[in-house]
Structure formats: C-alpha cells, structure tokens
C-alpha cells in the first residue's frame, strides 16, 4: 500500500471541490482557481469568482498554517473553532515581543470591529483609522507587522472581501456570510471533524502529517486519536504505521491504479502539502526544484501520483505559453497525455496555446 491518494472524481462546483480537498490555498488567487480546475476541467473562473463574491458560498480567510485558503462558507465555523487557539497564540506571541499586552490586543480588536461596522476596508484604511486611538506600544508593533488584523481574523470576526494585492478588502463576517447565526462548534469536536476530513482527503497519514498540514501543535493533535479510535484503522505505508478512516479501508484496497494518469498541479496545490515528508512524491535530488525557498512551491507535472517535472505558464496578448520541464525523458503515452492536459489548461485560461518542452528529451521511451 502506498501513500498516493487519489485526486478525486470531478465535482459539480467549486464549493464541493473545496470541501473535498479541505480548502484551496489562495495566497495567489489564480493558483487557487487552477487547484480547482485540476480536479474538474469543466469548472470556470467565473463560477469560482461567483461562489466567492456573489453567492458567498466560499470564504477566503487564514486557516491552516496561517495561510490564505478558500473554504466552504458552511464549514467556516468548523475551521475557525478547530484552529482559533493556535492562530491566536501565534498572533499574541508576536504582540508580546513588542510589549503589547493581551488586554491591549483585545482593545485593538474592538477598535477594528468598530471601524469595520461601516463596510469593507483595505488594510491601509483600517490602520489609518485605528492608529490615532492606540498607545505608542501598539503603534510601534503596527509599524513592524504586515497585518494588524490577525486576531479578529483568527477569531472568525473578519474575512476577505473582493480585491487583490494592496487593494484587497476585509469585511466583517457578520455582514458577509449569508447564513443566519449557526451555533458555535466546540474546539474538540471541530478538531476531530478536521482530522476526519483530512484523512478522507489525504490518508493514509500520521498524526505528525496532520499537525504539519494544519499547523496545530502536537499537544493539541495527540488526544484526537483516542477521540476517534473507533473510526480509525492503522495501515503500514512503507513500514510506517499510518492512519486511515476505517470506512475508507476497503475503498483504498480496491482502488485500481490507472495506467497513465497525468495532472498539472499549480503553485501551492494541497496535494503537495498534505504530508510532512515528500519522499512518496519525488526523489530527493529534485526536492528543491519543487519545494523552494521561503515556502514557495512550484507547479508540478504529476504522473501516476508522482512528481515527474515542473511547469510554468505566461498569458500575454491572447496567447498562453506553457513550459514543461520534465525531470527525465517522458514516455510517448505520457507526453501525449501531458499535451492533452496543457491544451485543456489553455482553454481554461482563455488563450491560444504555445507549448514548450525543456530539459530531457521527451519522446518515446
């Protein structure tokens, strides 16, 4: 048994896809679009944008590993409850280093929520509005950090509205989310639910993998196994004991591996971030071509669950230039499947394809 999870069957909409993969990582929003396209080629950018900004059935906020994700709006409270303590602790530690007390942090959150009552604001607008009302210590901290809204975001009080880059707006969730007033989820229940969702998407995996993926410290993760003991099965993956949902055990054993499955996964794809160790995905000698400095993760060519190369694209003047850089010579059937995927990518991006292969010869092998 290997640890290659299936990327899943095509889903009907962006919300279902985000539910299935436990969120699309979205610090670069076009990369999140491509993460969903990789799993359902029928999806469109307009459908994703509509779910985010019109129906608001998707929410953009900081969750796992403190990174931006798109998550289903009806799971917003689950993610917030599961990760709130960890996210708050991180933000408060940084404030404490600047001499800002937890009481001052609470006061700042109240000020931010007051100025946000009138509607969405950019970070710069929020900072300008609250700065005259805080102490010198808080102002000194504000000068050193990229964002002053980490605590209200961690609390689930703010999320992201429309816009990109410096123009992105934040908005109060009580103004933005269209559901009524759903009941809060207890932390322990939410963390068990998140582990269950994670194993459904990325198992078999270890608790260490879940801690790495979620950002939750081991002290919060370890008790979850006992809470879900009746639901879990232990399987060996290359002589390492891993966990899987018991109801998924038969499915995994019966899954037939496809003959030549090729996928183009974009920057920060969740498949590439699901486990602490990466040796089930690629050889050590290629590691730094994918997992680069400062947390940057390259788009990859995935062949039968393994990373076989990297790729990039550039859209300009109605053309989409796609450069494929395989790690080794590709078999003819793999090259043909890759070309088919790239053609579909160009269609999604709305341009005429200009395809380039670089690196090892990629003909018949």
Protein backbone atom coordinates (compact mmCIF):
# COMPACT_ATOMS: atom_id res chain seq x y z
CA UNK A 1 0.00 0.00 0.00
CA UNK A 2 1.37 3.42 -0.94
CA UNK A 3 0.52 6.90 0.24
CA UNK A 4 -0.64 8.21 -3.15
CA UNK A 5 -4.14 9.49 -2.53
CA UNK A 6 -6.45 9.82 -5.48
CA UNK A 7 -7.18 13.38 -6.53
CA UNK A 8 -10.87 12.55 -6.59
CA UNK A 9 -13.66 12.46 -9.10
CA UNK A 10 -14.74 15.64 -10.89
CA UNK A 11 -17.15 17.58 -8.71
CA UNK A 12 -20.04 19.75 -9.76
CA UNK A 13 -18.93 23.06 -8.27
CA UNK A 14 -16.20 25.00 -6.52
CA UNK A 15 -17.73 24.57 -3.07
CA UNK A 16 -17.77 20.77 -3.32
CA UNK A 17 -14.20 20.74 -4.58
CA UNK A 18 -13.01 22.94 -1.70
CA UNK A 19 -14.87 20.68 0.71
CA UNK A 20 -13.24 17.56 -0.76
CA UNK A 21 -9.66 18.89 -0.62
CA UNK A 22 -10.05 20.71 2.73
CA UNK A 23 -9.62 24.13 1.18
CA UNK A 24 -7.74 25.58 -1.78
CA UNK A 25 -4.61 27.52 -0.81
CA UNK A 26 -5.14 31.06 -2.04
CA UNK A 27 -2.31 33.47 -1.28
CA UNK A 28 -2.20 33.66 -5.09
CA UNK A 29 -5.86 33.54 -6.12
CA UNK A 30 -5.25 32.35 -9.73
CA UNK A 31 -3.38 29.37 -8.24
CA UNK A 32 -6.48 28.50 -6.20
CA UNK A 33 -8.52 28.66 -9.41
CA UNK A 34 -6.12 26.18 -11.02
CA UNK A 35 -6.23 23.87 -7.99
CA UNK A 36 -9.96 23.50 -8.55
CA UNK A 37 -9.60 23.22 -12.34
CA UNK A 38 -7.05 20.40 -11.89
CA UNK A 39 -9.79 18.35 -10.26
CA UNK A 40 -12.66 19.33 -12.54
CA UNK A 41 -11.80 20.61 -16.02
CA UNK A 42 -15.40 21.71 -16.55
CA UNK A 43 -15.18 24.41 -13.90
CA UNK A 44 -14.79 28.04 -14.98
CA UNK A 45 -13.08 31.02 -13.40
CA UNK A 46 -16.37 32.91 -13.42
CA UNK A 47 -18.05 30.12 -11.44
CA UNK A 48 -15.33 30.27 -8.79
CA UNK A 49 -15.50 34.07 -8.61
CA UNK A 50 -19.28 33.88 -8.32
CA UNK A 51 -19.05 31.47 -5.38
CA UNK A 52 -16.58 33.84 -3.68
CA UNK A 53 -18.07 37.26 -4.27
CA UNK A 54 -21.73 36.80 -5.27
CA UNK A 55 -23.31 33.79 -3.59
CA UNK A 56 -20.56 33.88 -0.93
CA UNK A 57 -20.70 30.11 -0.59
CA UNK A 58 -16.89 30.18 -0.46
CA UNK A 59 -14.92 32.22 2.07
CA UNK A 60 -11.35 33.47 1.73
CA UNK A 61 -9.55 33.54 5.07
CA UNK A 62 -6.45 32.44 7.00
CA UNK A 63 -6.71 28.89 8.32
CA UNK A 64 -4.21 26.02 8.03
CA UNK A 65 -0.58 27.05 8.61
CA UNK A 66 -1.86 30.64 8.86
CA UNK A 67 -2.13 30.74 5.07
CA UNK A 68 -4.98 32.03 2.94
CA UNK A 69 -7.47 29.40 1.79
CA UNK A 70 -10.82 29.19 0.10
CA UNK A 71 -13.16 27.15 2.31
CA UNK A 72 -16.90 26.43 2.12
CA UNK A 73 -18.92 29.07 3.95
CA UNK A 74 -20.96 26.39 5.71
CA UNK A 75 -17.70 24.99 7.19
CA UNK A 76 -16.33 28.38 8.25
CA UNK A 77 -17.20 27.93 11.94
CA UNK A 78 -15.70 24.43 11.93
CA UNK A 79 -12.31 25.65 10.67
CA UNK A 80 -12.39 28.68 12.96
CA UNK A 81 -13.17 26.61 16.04
CA UNK A 82 -10.52 23.99 15.23
CA UNK A 83 -7.71 26.48 14.58
CA UNK A 84 -8.62 29.55 16.66
CA UNK A 85 -6.44 28.82 19.71
CA UNK A 86 -3.38 28.05 17.60
CA UNK A 87 -3.83 31.12 15.39
CA UNK A 88 -4.44 33.42 18.35
CA UNK A 89 -1.40 32.12 20.23
CA UNK A 90 0.83 32.91 17.25
CA UNK A 91 -0.52 36.47 16.91
CA UNK A 92 -0.31 37.18 20.66
CA UNK A 93 3.30 35.94 20.86
CA UNK A 94 4.35 38.47 18.22
CA UNK A 95 2.49 41.27 20.02
CA UNK A 96 4.04 40.30 23.36
CA UNK A 97 7.54 40.65 21.89
CA UNK A 98 6.69 44.31 21.29
CA UNK A 99 5.38 44.72 24.82
CA UNK A 100 1.71 44.68 23.79
CA UNK A 101 -0.48 43.01 26.43
CA UNK A 102 -3.43 40.73 25.74
CA UNK A 103 -5.71 43.45 27.15
CA UNK A 104 -4.35 45.93 24.59
CA UNK A 105 -4.79 43.27 21.88
CA UNK A 106 -8.46 42.91 22.86
CA UNK A 107 -8.86 46.68 22.78
CA UNK A 108 -7.35 46.83 19.30
CA UNK A 109 -9.78 44.17 18.08
CA UNK A 110 -12.70 46.20 19.42
CA UNK A 111 -11.44 49.29 17.61
CA UNK A 112 -11.02 47.36 14.35
CA UNK A 113 -14.52 45.93 14.58
CA UNK A 114 -15.93 49.40 15.27
CA UNK A 115 -14.30 50.96 12.20
CA UNK A 116 -15.38 47.95 10.09
CA UNK A 117 -19.03 48.49 11.01
CA UNK A 118 -19.46 50.88 8.07
CA UNK A 119 -18.34 48.29 5.50
CA UNK A 120 -15.30 46.69 3.82
CA UNK A 121 -11.91 48.39 4.19
CA UNK A 122 -8.36 47.75 2.98
CA UNK A 123 -5.59 47.04 5.48
CA UNK A 124 -4.21 50.55 4.94
CA UNK A 125 -7.61 52.08 5.64
CA UNK A 126 -8.04 50.03 8.81
CA UNK A 127 -4.58 51.01 10.03
CA UNK A 128 -5.18 54.71 9.34
CA UNK A 129 -8.48 54.63 11.21
CA UNK A 130 -7.26 52.92 14.39
CA UNK A 131 -3.71 54.28 14.66
CA UNK A 132 -4.60 57.59 16.36
CA UNK A 133 -6.59 55.70 19.02
CA UNK A 134 -3.93 53.27 20.29
CA UNK A 135 -0.91 53.50 22.58
CA UNK A 136 2.67 54.15 21.48
CA UNK A 137 3.46 50.47 22.14
CA UNK A 138 0.69 49.32 19.82
CA UNK A 139 1.75 51.83 17.15
CA UNK A 140 5.33 50.53 17.37
CA UNK A 141 4.03 46.99 16.84
CA UNK A 142 1.85 48.16 13.93
CA UNK A 143 4.95 49.60 12.24
CA UNK A 144 6.68 46.21 12.35
CA UNK A 145 3.96 43.84 11.13
CA UNK A 146 2.40 43.21 7.75
CA UNK A 147 -1.15 42.87 9.06
CA UNK A 148 -2.83 44.22 12.19
CA UNK A 149 -5.97 42.09 11.75
CA UNK A 150 -4.58 38.65 12.64
CA UNK A 151 -6.57 38.42 15.88
CA UNK A 152 -10.04 39.33 14.51
CA UNK A 153 -9.37 37.02 11.54
CA UNK A 154 -8.37 34.19 13.89
CA UNK A 155 -11.49 34.85 15.95
CA UNK A 156 -13.61 34.46 12.82
CA UNK A 157 -14.77 38.09 13.06
CA UNK A 158 -13.25 39.19 9.73
CA UNK A 159 -12.68 37.53 6.36
CA UNK A 160 -11.57 38.72 2.94
CA UNK A 161 -13.80 40.57 0.54
CA UNK A 162 -13.02 41.30 -3.09
CA UNK A 163 -9.78 42.75 -4.45
CA UNK A 164 -6.19 41.66 -4.88
CA UNK A 165 -2.79 42.82 -3.66
CA UNK A 166 -2.81 46.14 -1.82
CA UNK A 167 -6.42 46.69 -2.84
CA UNK A 168 -7.82 43.61 -1.10
CA UNK A 169 -10.61 44.45 1.31
CA UNK A 170 -11.53 42.86 4.61
CA UNK A 171 -15.10 42.62 5.81
CA UNK A 172 -16.93 41.67 8.98
CA UNK A 173 -18.16 38.10 8.73
CA UNK A 174 -21.48 39.03 10.36
CA UNK A 175 -22.02 41.31 7.35
CA UNK A 176 -20.58 38.96 4.73
CA UNK A 177 -21.78 35.44 5.44
CA UNK A 178 -25.30 34.79 4.25
CA UNK A 179 -26.21 32.04 6.73
CA UNK A 180 -28.17 33.07 9.82
CA UNK A 181 -26.50 32.57 13.18
CA UNK A 182 -25.21 28.98 13.24
CA UNK A 183 -24.21 27.59 16.62
CA UNK A 184 -20.51 27.66 17.55
CA UNK A 185 -18.64 24.34 17.38
CA UNK A 186 -16.68 23.17 20.47
CA UNK A 187 -12.94 23.08 19.79
CA UNK A 188 -12.50 19.34 20.45
CA UNK A 189 -15.40 18.46 18.14
CA UNK A 190 -14.09 20.79 15.44
CA UNK A 191 -10.57 19.36 15.60
CA UNK A 192 -11.91 15.80 15.38
CA UNK A 193 -14.01 16.82 12.37
CA UNK A 194 -11.00 18.44 10.73
CA UNK A 195 -8.86 15.32 11.27
CA UNK A 196 -11.66 13.21 9.82
CA UNK A 197 -11.87 15.46 6.75
CA UNK A 198 -8.09 15.43 6.36
CA UNK A 199 -7.84 11.64 6.46
CA UNK A 200 -10.69 11.32 3.99
CA UNK A 201 -8.77 13.54 1.55
CA UNK A 202 -5.13 12.64 2.26
CA UNK A 203 -4.95 9.40 4.23
CA UNK A 204 -3.17 7.20 4.95
CA UNK A 205 -1.26 9.69 7.09
CA UNK A 206 0.25 10.10 10.53
CA UNK A 207 -0.75 12.49 13.29
CA UNK A 208 2.55 14.24 12.59
CA UNK A 209 1.39 14.76 9.00
CA UNK A 210 -1.89 16.23 10.25
CA UNK A 211 -0.01 18.56 12.61
CA UNK A 212 2.23 19.68 9.73
CA UNK A 213 -0.72 20.24 7.39
CA UNK A 214 -2.98 22.03 9.85
CA UNK A 215 -0.37 23.94 11.82
CA UNK A 216 -1.85 22.63 15.08
CA UNK A 217 0.80 21.82 17.71
CA UNK A 218 1.34 18.18 18.62
CA UNK A 219 -0.11 18.79 22.08
CA UNK A 220 -3.49 19.55 20.52
CA UNK A 221 -3.25 16.77 17.93
CA UNK A 222 -2.25 13.76 20.05
CA UNK A 223 -5.55 13.45 22.01
CA UNK A 224 -7.57 13.30 18.79
CA UNK A 225 -6.62 9.70 18.09
CA UNK A 226 -8.31 8.45 21.26
CA UNK A 227 -11.40 10.54 20.47
CA UNK A 228 -11.70 8.93 17.01
CA UNK A 229 -10.31 5.50 17.88
CA UNK A 230 -13.42 3.59 16.81
CA UNK A 231 -13.39 5.33 13.40
CA UNK A 232 -9.70 4.79 12.60
CA UNK A 233 -7.72 1.95 11.06
CA UNK A 234 -3.95 1.60 11.16
CA UNK A 235 -2.16 0.60 7.97
CA UNK A 236 1.52 0.25 7.12
CA UNK A 237 2.93 2.51 4.44
CA UNK A 238 6.50 1.51 3.62
CA UNK A 239 6.85 0.07 7.16
CA UNK A 240 5.47 3.21 8.80
CA UNK A 241 2.17 2.95 10.73
CA UNK A 242 -0.36 5.40 9.33
CA UNK A 243 -3.99 6.19 9.99
CA UNK A 244 -6.98 5.91 7.68
CA UNK A 245 -10.70 6.19 8.25
CA UNK A 246 -11.95 2.66 8.79
CA UNK A 247 -14.81 3.19 6.33
CA UNK A 248 -12.27 4.06 3.61
CA UNK A 249 -10.10 0.98 4.11
CA UNK A 250 -11.90 -1.26 1.63
CA UNK A 251 -12.08 1.55 -0.90
CA UNK A 252 -8.34 2.10 -0.75
CA UNK A 253 -7.54 -1.59 -1.05
CA UNK A 254 -9.82 -2.00 -4.06
CA UNK A 255 -8.67 1.12 -5.91
CA UNK A 256 -7.01 0.21 -9.19
CA UNK A 257 -4.06 2.35 -10.14
CA UNK A 258 -4.57 3.98 -13.54
CA UNK A 259 -2.23 3.17 -16.41
CA UNK A 260 -1.15 6.75 -17.13
CA UNK A 261 -2.76 9.47 -15.05
CA UNK A 262 -1.33 12.92 -15.78
CA UNK A 263 -2.23 16.08 -13.88
CA UNK A 264 -0.95 19.64 -13.95
CA UNK A 265 -0.95 20.88 -10.37
CA UNK A 266 -0.37 24.62 -9.78
CA UNK A 267 1.51 26.59 -7.14
CA UNK A 268 0.80 25.52 -3.55
CA UNK A 269 -1.50 22.68 -4.54
CA UNK A 270 -2.83 20.96 -1.37
CA UNK A 271 -1.73 17.55 -2.70
CA UNK A 272 1.86 18.76 -2.37
CA UNK A 273 1.38 19.99 1.20
CA UNK A 274 -0.61 17.16 2.76
CA UNK A 275 2.28 15.21 4.35
CA UNK A 276 5.37 16.22 6.29
CA UNK A 277 7.76 14.02 4.29
CA UNK A 278 7.79 14.15 0.48
CA UNK A 279 9.70 11.00 -0.47
CA UNK A 280 6.47 9.39 -1.68
CA UNK A 281 6.16 12.21 -4.22
CA UNK A 282 9.64 12.75 -5.66
CA UNK A 283 13.30 11.86 -5.38
CA UNK A 284 15.50 13.88 -3.03
CA UNK A 285 17.60 15.21 -5.90
CA UNK A 286 14.57 17.05 -7.32
CA UNK A 287 13.24 18.32 -3.99
CA UNK A 288 14.47 21.90 -4.26
CA UNK A 289 13.04 22.29 -7.76
CA UNK A 290 9.58 21.93 -6.24
CA UNK A 291 9.85 22.95 -2.58
CA UNK A 292 11.79 26.18 -2.91
CA UNK A 293 12.96 28.91 -0.54
CA UNK A 294 10.55 30.95 1.61
CA UNK A 295 7.76 28.41 1.30
CA UNK A 296 7.40 28.77 -2.47
CA UNK A 297 6.04 25.62 -4.13
CA UNK A 298 6.38 25.18 -7.89
CA UNK A 299 3.63 23.93 -10.22
CA UNK A 300 4.27 20.26 -10.98
CA UNK A 301 3.63 17.65 -13.64
CA UNK A 302 2.11 14.70 -11.79
CA UNK A 303 2.30 11.26 -13.43
CA UNK A 304 0.59 8.37 -11.64
CA UNK A 305 0.75 10.26 -8.35
CA UNK A 306 4.48 11.05 -8.59
CA UNK A 307 6.05 14.40 -9.44
CA UNK A 308 7.69 13.98 -12.86
CA UNK A 309 8.62 17.59 -13.54
CA UNK A 310 7.66 21.24 -13.15
CA UNK A 311 5.80 23.64 -15.40
CA UNK A 312 5.01 27.32 -15.73
CA UNK A 313 2.78 29.50 -17.83
CA UNK A 314 2.53 33.08 -19.03
CA UNK A 315 -0.55 34.71 -20.57
CA UNK A 316 0.04 37.60 -22.94
CA UNK A 317 -1.66 39.02 -25.98
CA UNK A 318 -4.24 36.25 -26.25
CA UNK A 319 -1.57 33.52 -26.04
CA UNK A 320 -0.79 31.14 -23.22
CA UNK A 321 2.80 29.95 -23.23
CA UNK A 322 3.23 26.79 -21.18
CA UNK A 323 6.72 25.46 -20.44
CA UNK A 324 7.02 21.83 -19.29
CA UNK A 325 10.32 20.79 -17.67
CA UNK A 326 10.31 17.03 -17.02
CA UNK A 327 12.89 15.53 -14.68
CA UNK A 328 13.53 12.65 -17.10
CA UNK A 329 12.57 11.56 -20.59
CA UNK A 330 8.81 11.04 -20.90
CA UNK A 331 7.22 8.00 -22.48
CA UNK A 332 5.24 8.76 -25.62
CA UNK A 333 1.93 7.98 -23.91
CA UNK A 334 2.85 10.32 -21.04
CA UNK A 335 3.91 13.08 -23.41
CA UNK A 336 0.62 12.77 -25.30
CA UNK A 337 -1.40 12.84 -22.07
CA UNK A 338 0.58 15.90 -20.95
CA UNK A 339 -0.15 17.73 -24.20
CA UNK A 340 -3.84 16.94 -23.78
CA UNK A 341 -3.80 18.42 -20.27
CA UNK A 342 -1.96 21.54 -21.43
CA UNK A 343 -4.49 22.10 -24.21
CA UNK A 344 -7.28 21.98 -21.64
CA UNK A 345 -5.33 24.39 -19.43
CA UNK A 346 -5.06 26.91 -22.28
CA UNK A 347 -8.82 26.63 -22.76
CA UNK A 348 -9.40 27.37 -19.07
CA UNK A 349 -7.07 30.37 -19.23
CA UNK A 350 -8.71 31.59 -22.43
CA UNK A 351 -5.76 31.80 -24.81
CA UNK A 352 -4.09 30.18 -27.80
CA UNK A 353 -1.55 27.59 -26.70
CA UNK A 354 2.20 27.94 -27.18
CA UNK A 355 3.72 24.76 -25.69
CA UNK A 356 7.44 24.30 -24.95
CA UNK A 357 9.19 21.23 -23.54
CA UNK A 358 12.54 21.89 -21.90
CA UNK A 359 15.12 19.61 -20.37
CA UNK A 360 15.44 15.87 -21.06
CA UNK A 361 14.22 14.55 -24.42
CA UNK A 362 10.57 13.69 -24.09
CA UNK A 363 9.93 11.32 -26.94
CA UNK A 364 9.16 7.60 -26.87
CA UNK A 365 10.95 5.63 -24.19
